[in-house]
Amino acid sequence: MCLSCNALLQRSKETSTWIFYKCPSCEYENADLIGEWLPVDEDTHYLFYEIAMKLRSELNISLESAIGLVEEYYSKFTNADYCDSLGINVQDEDFFHSEGIGMVYWIVFFVVEKNVPDYAKFVEWRSKL
């Protein structure tokens, strides 16, 4: 059921990890996790799903694309070799939860806008929003 207009959601796509649904009336999107997504606990899964929903609405992109951005960020910034190559610390569940929905900014700055990881530049960029 669509949370926006109460129409019946229609299945729009299925991957090995997600079933995507779309409302035929208002374009609202939702998804159900059906496979292994990220190697994190249930609370962190929920946080990242909420972040994907926020990215979808803020960037006006599909939920599938937003989930892809979350996955790209997670795979990069939890990878010790990648983080070592940039001279930054690996991010973990404590970091993600301390940032909460603010992770949207991290994902936009580093994944969408493809900025080099630099905390000072990130803070400067975020202060202009």
C-alpha atoms as a PDB file:
ATOM      1  CA  MET A   1       0.000   0.000   0.000  1.00  0.00           C
ATOM      2  CA  CYS A   2       1.337   3.436  -0.954  1.00  0.00           C
ATOM      3  CA  LEU A   3       2.048   5.580   2.093  1.00  0.00           C
ATOM      4  CA  SER A   4       1.375   8.701   0.083  1.00  0.00           C
ATOM      5  CA  CYS A   5      -1.926   8.052  -1.691  1.00  0.00           C
ATOM      6  CA  ASN A   6      -3.049   4.583  -0.457  1.00  0.00           C
ATOM      7  CA  ALA A   7      -2.950   3.053  -3.949  1.00  0.00           C
ATOM      8  CA  LEU A   8      -1.708  -0.488  -4.378  1.00  0.00           C
ATOM      9  CA  LEU A   9       2.051  -0.625  -5.014  1.00  0.00           C
ATOM     10  CA  GLN A  10       3.230  -2.564  -8.053  1.00  0.00           C
ATOM     11  CA  ARG A  11       6.414  -4.593  -8.200  1.00  0.00           C
ATOM     12  CA  SER A  12       8.761  -2.754 -10.550  1.00  0.00           C
ATOM     13  CA  LYS A  13      12.006  -4.719 -10.308  1.00  0.00           C
ATOM     14  CA  GLU A  14      13.680  -7.523  -8.404  1.00  0.00           C
ATOM     15  CA  THR A  15      17.379  -8.035  -7.778  1.00  0.00           C
ATOM     16  CA  SER A  16      19.157 -10.651  -5.687  1.00  0.00           C
ATOM     17  CA  THR A  17      18.955  -8.252  -2.738  1.00  0.00           C
ATOM     18  CA  TRP A  18      15.834  -6.114  -3.189  1.00  0.00           C
ATOM     19  CA  ILE A  19      12.278  -6.137  -4.484  1.00  0.00           C
ATOM     20  CA  PHE A  20      11.355  -2.635  -5.642  1.00  0.00           C
ATOM     21  CA  TYR A  21       7.800  -1.332  -5.694  1.00  0.00           C
ATOM     22  CA  LYS A  22       6.349   1.781  -7.288  1.00  0.00           C
ATOM     23  CA  CYS A  23       2.990   3.468  -6.954  1.00  0.00           C
ATOM     24  CA  PRO A  24       1.284   3.821 -10.355  1.00  0.00           C
ATOM     25  CA  SER A  25      -0.560   6.931  -9.156  1.00  0.00           C
ATOM     26  CA  CYS A  26       1.981   9.116  -7.407  1.00  0.00           C
ATOM     27  CA  GLU A  27       5.374   7.517  -8.203  1.00  0.00           C
ATOM     28  CA  TYR A  28       6.096   6.739  -4.510  1.00  0.00           C
ATOM     29  CA  GLU A  29       8.760   4.013  -4.199  1.00  0.00           C
ATOM     30  CA  ASN A  30       9.487   1.387  -1.612  1.00  0.00           C
ATOM     31  CA  ALA A  31      11.640  -1.708  -1.401  1.00  0.00           C
ATOM     32  CA  ASP A  32      11.879  -4.923   0.580  1.00  0.00           C
ATOM     33  CA  LEU A  33      15.219  -6.445   1.468  1.00  0.00           C
ATOM     34  CA  ILE A  34      15.252 -10.091   0.386  1.00  0.00           C
ATOM     35  CA  GLY A  35      18.948 -10.957   0.451  1.00  0.00           C
ATOM     36  CA  GLU A  36      22.192 -10.033   2.123  1.00  0.00           C
ATOM     37  CA  TRP A  37      22.705  -6.290   1.731  1.00  0.00           C
ATOM     38  CA  LEU A  38      25.403  -4.949   4.001  1.00  0.00           C
ATOM     39  CA  PRO A  39      27.267  -6.936   6.658  1.00  0.00           C
ATOM     40  CA  VAL A  40      25.806  -4.873   9.515  1.00  0.00           C
ATOM     41  CA  ASP A  41      23.244  -5.300  12.275  1.00  0.00           C
ATOM     42  CA  GLU A  42      19.527  -4.673  11.825  1.00  0.00           C
ATOM     43  CA  ASP A  43      19.651  -1.140  13.285  1.00  0.00           C
ATOM     44  CA  THR A  44      22.346  -0.137  10.806  1.00  0.00           C
ATOM     45  CA  HIS A  45      20.382  -1.682   7.926  1.00  0.00           C
ATOM     46  CA  TYR A  46      17.415   0.449   8.945  1.00  0.00           C
ATOM     47  CA  LEU A  47      19.629   3.563   9.190  1.00  0.00           C
ATOM     48  CA  PHE A  48      21.057   3.019   5.710  1.00  0.00           C
ATOM     49  CA  TYR A  49      17.591   2.379   4.273  1.00  0.00           C
ATOM     50  CA  GLU A  50      16.393   5.670   5.786  1.00  0.00           C
ATOM     51  CA  ILE A  51      19.469   7.393   4.331  1.00  0.00           C
ATOM     52  CA  ALA A  52      18.618   5.926   0.909  1.00  0.00           C
ATOM     53  CA  MET A  53      15.049   7.213   1.219  1.00  0.00           C
ATOM     54  CA  LYS A  54      16.380  10.685   2.109  1.00  0.00           C
ATOM     55  CA  LEU A  55      18.820  10.614  -0.835  1.00  0.00           C
ATOM     56  CA  ARG A  56      15.924   9.627  -3.116  1.00  0.00           C
ATOM     57  CA  SER A  57      13.865  12.610  -2.071  1.00  0.00           C
ATOM     58  CA  GLU A  58      16.709  15.146  -1.855  1.00  0.00           C
ATOM     59  CA  LEU A  59      18.325  14.215  -5.174  1.00  0.00           C
ATOM     60  CA  ASN A  60      15.087  13.294  -6.955  1.00  0.00           C
ATOM     61  CA  ILE A  61      16.457   9.902  -7.989  1.00  0.00           C
ATOM     62  CA  SER A  62      15.020   6.412  -7.889  1.00  0.00           C
ATOM     63  CA  LEU A  63      15.209   4.410  -4.684  1.00  0.00           C
ATOM     64  CA  GLU A  64      17.286   1.836  -6.541  1.00  0.00           C
ATOM     65  CA  SER A  65      19.845   4.534  -7.475  1.00  0.00           C
ATOM     66  CA  ALA A  66      19.874   5.852  -3.905  1.00  0.00           C
ATOM     67  CA  ILE A  67      20.528   2.362  -2.541  1.00  0.00           C
ATOM     68  CA  GLY A  68      23.382   2.061  -5.053  1.00  0.00           C
ATOM     69  CA  LEU A  69      24.938   5.281  -3.698  1.00  0.00           C
ATOM     70  CA  VAL A  70      24.706   3.944  -0.139  1.00  0.00           C
ATOM     71  CA  GLU A  71      26.306   0.670  -1.210  1.00  0.00           C
ATOM     72  CA  GLU A  72      29.140   2.469  -3.007  1.00  0.00           C
ATOM     73  CA  TYR A  73      29.857   4.668   0.015  1.00  0.00           C
ATOM     74  CA  TYR A  74      29.764   1.723   2.391  1.00  0.00           C
ATOM     75  CA  SER A  75      32.038  -0.452   0.247  1.00  0.00           C
ATOM     76  CA  LYS A  76      34.639   2.304  -0.054  1.00  0.00           C
ATOM     77  CA  PHE A  77      34.707   3.748   3.438  1.00  0.00           C
ATOM     78  CA  THR A  78      34.668   0.420   5.282  1.00  0.00           C
ATOM     79  CA  ASN A  79      37.512  -0.937   3.139  1.00  0.00           C
ATOM     80  CA  ALA A  80      40.833  -0.700   5.004  1.00  0.00           C
ATOM     81  CA  ASP A  81      42.936  -0.664   1.814  1.00  0.00           C
ATOM     82  CA  TYR A  82      40.874   2.152   0.268  1.00  0.00           C
ATOM     83  CA  CYS A  83      40.942   4.230   3.445  1.00  0.00           C
ATOM     84  CA  ASP A  84      44.682   3.614   3.962  1.00  0.00           C
ATOM     85  CA  SER A  85      45.364   4.790   0.412  1.00  0.00           C
ATOM     86  CA  LEU A  86      43.653   8.084   1.299  1.00  0.00           C
ATOM     87  CA  GLY A  87      45.166   8.366   4.764  1.00  0.00           C
ATOM     88  CA  ILE A  88      41.797   8.285   6.527  1.00  0.00           C
ATOM     89  CA  ASN A  89      40.249   6.072   9.188  1.00  0.00           C
ATOM     90  CA  VAL A  90      37.937   3.212   8.285  1.00  0.00           C
ATOM     91  CA  GLN A  91      34.344   4.077   9.151  1.00  0.00           C
ATOM     92  CA  ASP A  92      32.297   1.696  11.269  1.00  0.00           C
ATOM     93  CA  GLU A  93      28.814   1.288  12.687  1.00  0.00           C
ATOM     94  CA  ASP A  94      29.587   3.621  15.603  1.00  0.00           C
ATOM     95  CA  PHE A  95      30.524   6.356  13.129  1.00  0.00           C
ATOM     96  CA  PHE A  96      27.439   5.746  10.974  1.00  0.00           C
ATOM     97  CA  HIS A  97      25.110   5.926  13.967  1.00  0.00           C
ATOM     98  CA  SER A  98      26.817   9.023  15.387  1.00  0.00           C
ATOM     99  CA  GLU A  99      26.214  10.779  12.051  1.00  0.00           C
ATOM    100  CA  GLY A 100      22.714   9.329  11.645  1.00  0.00           C
ATOM    101  CA  ILE A 101      20.701  10.782   8.772  1.00  0.00           C
ATOM    102  CA  GLY A 102      23.566  13.282   8.327  1.00  0.00           C
ATOM    103  CA  MET A 103      25.308  10.474   6.431  1.00  0.00           C
ATOM    104  CA  VAL A 104      23.360  11.842   3.463  1.00  0.00           C
ATOM    105  CA  TYR A 105      25.841  14.741   3.337  1.00  0.00           C
ATOM    106  CA  TRP A 106      28.833  12.404   3.422  1.00  0.00           C
ATOM    107  CA  ILE A 107      27.411  10.348   0.555  1.00  0.00           C
ATOM    108  CA  VAL A 108      26.587  13.386  -1.579  1.00  0.00           C
ATOM    109  CA  PHE A 109      30.006  14.981  -0.992  1.00  0.00           C
ATOM    110  CA  PHE A 110      32.136  11.884  -1.531  1.00  0.00           C
ATOM    111  CA  VAL A 111      30.113   9.655  -3.875  1.00  0.00           C
ATOM    112  CA  VAL A 112      27.757  11.909  -5.845  1.00  0.00           C
ATOM    113  CA  GLU A 113      30.099  14.886  -6.209  1.00  0.00           C
ATOM    114  CA  LYS A 114      33.199  12.633  -6.195  1.00  0.00           C
ATOM    115  CA  ASN A 115      35.239  14.882  -3.893  1.00  0.00           C
ATOM    116  CA  VAL A 116      38.521  13.595  -2.519  1.00  0.00           C
ATOM    117  CA  PRO A 117      38.123  12.653   1.140  1.00  0.00           C
ATOM    118  CA  ASP A 118      39.200  15.755   3.031  1.00  0.00           C
ATOM    119  CA  TYR A 119      37.381  16.443   6.278  1.00  0.00           C
ATOM    120  CA  ALA A 120      38.165  20.190   6.300  1.00  0.00           C
ATOM    121  CA  LYS A 121      36.757  20.601   2.776  1.00  0.00           C
ATOM    122  CA  PHE A 122      33.735  18.537   3.739  1.00  0.00           C
ATOM    123  CA  VAL A 123      33.026  20.778   6.759  1.00  0.00           C
ATOM    124  CA  GLU A 124      33.443  23.904   4.593  1.00  0.00           C
ATOM    125  CA  TRP A 125      31.122  22.487   1.907  1.00  0.00           C
ATOM    126  CA  ARG A 126      28.498  21.433   4.459  1.00  0.00           C
ATOM    127  CA  SER A 127      28.533  24.847   6.154  1.00  0.00           C
ATOM    128  CA  LYS A 128      27.470  26.456   2.852  1.00  0.00           C
ATOM    129  CA  LEU A 129      24.286  24.392   2.614  1.00  0.00           C
END
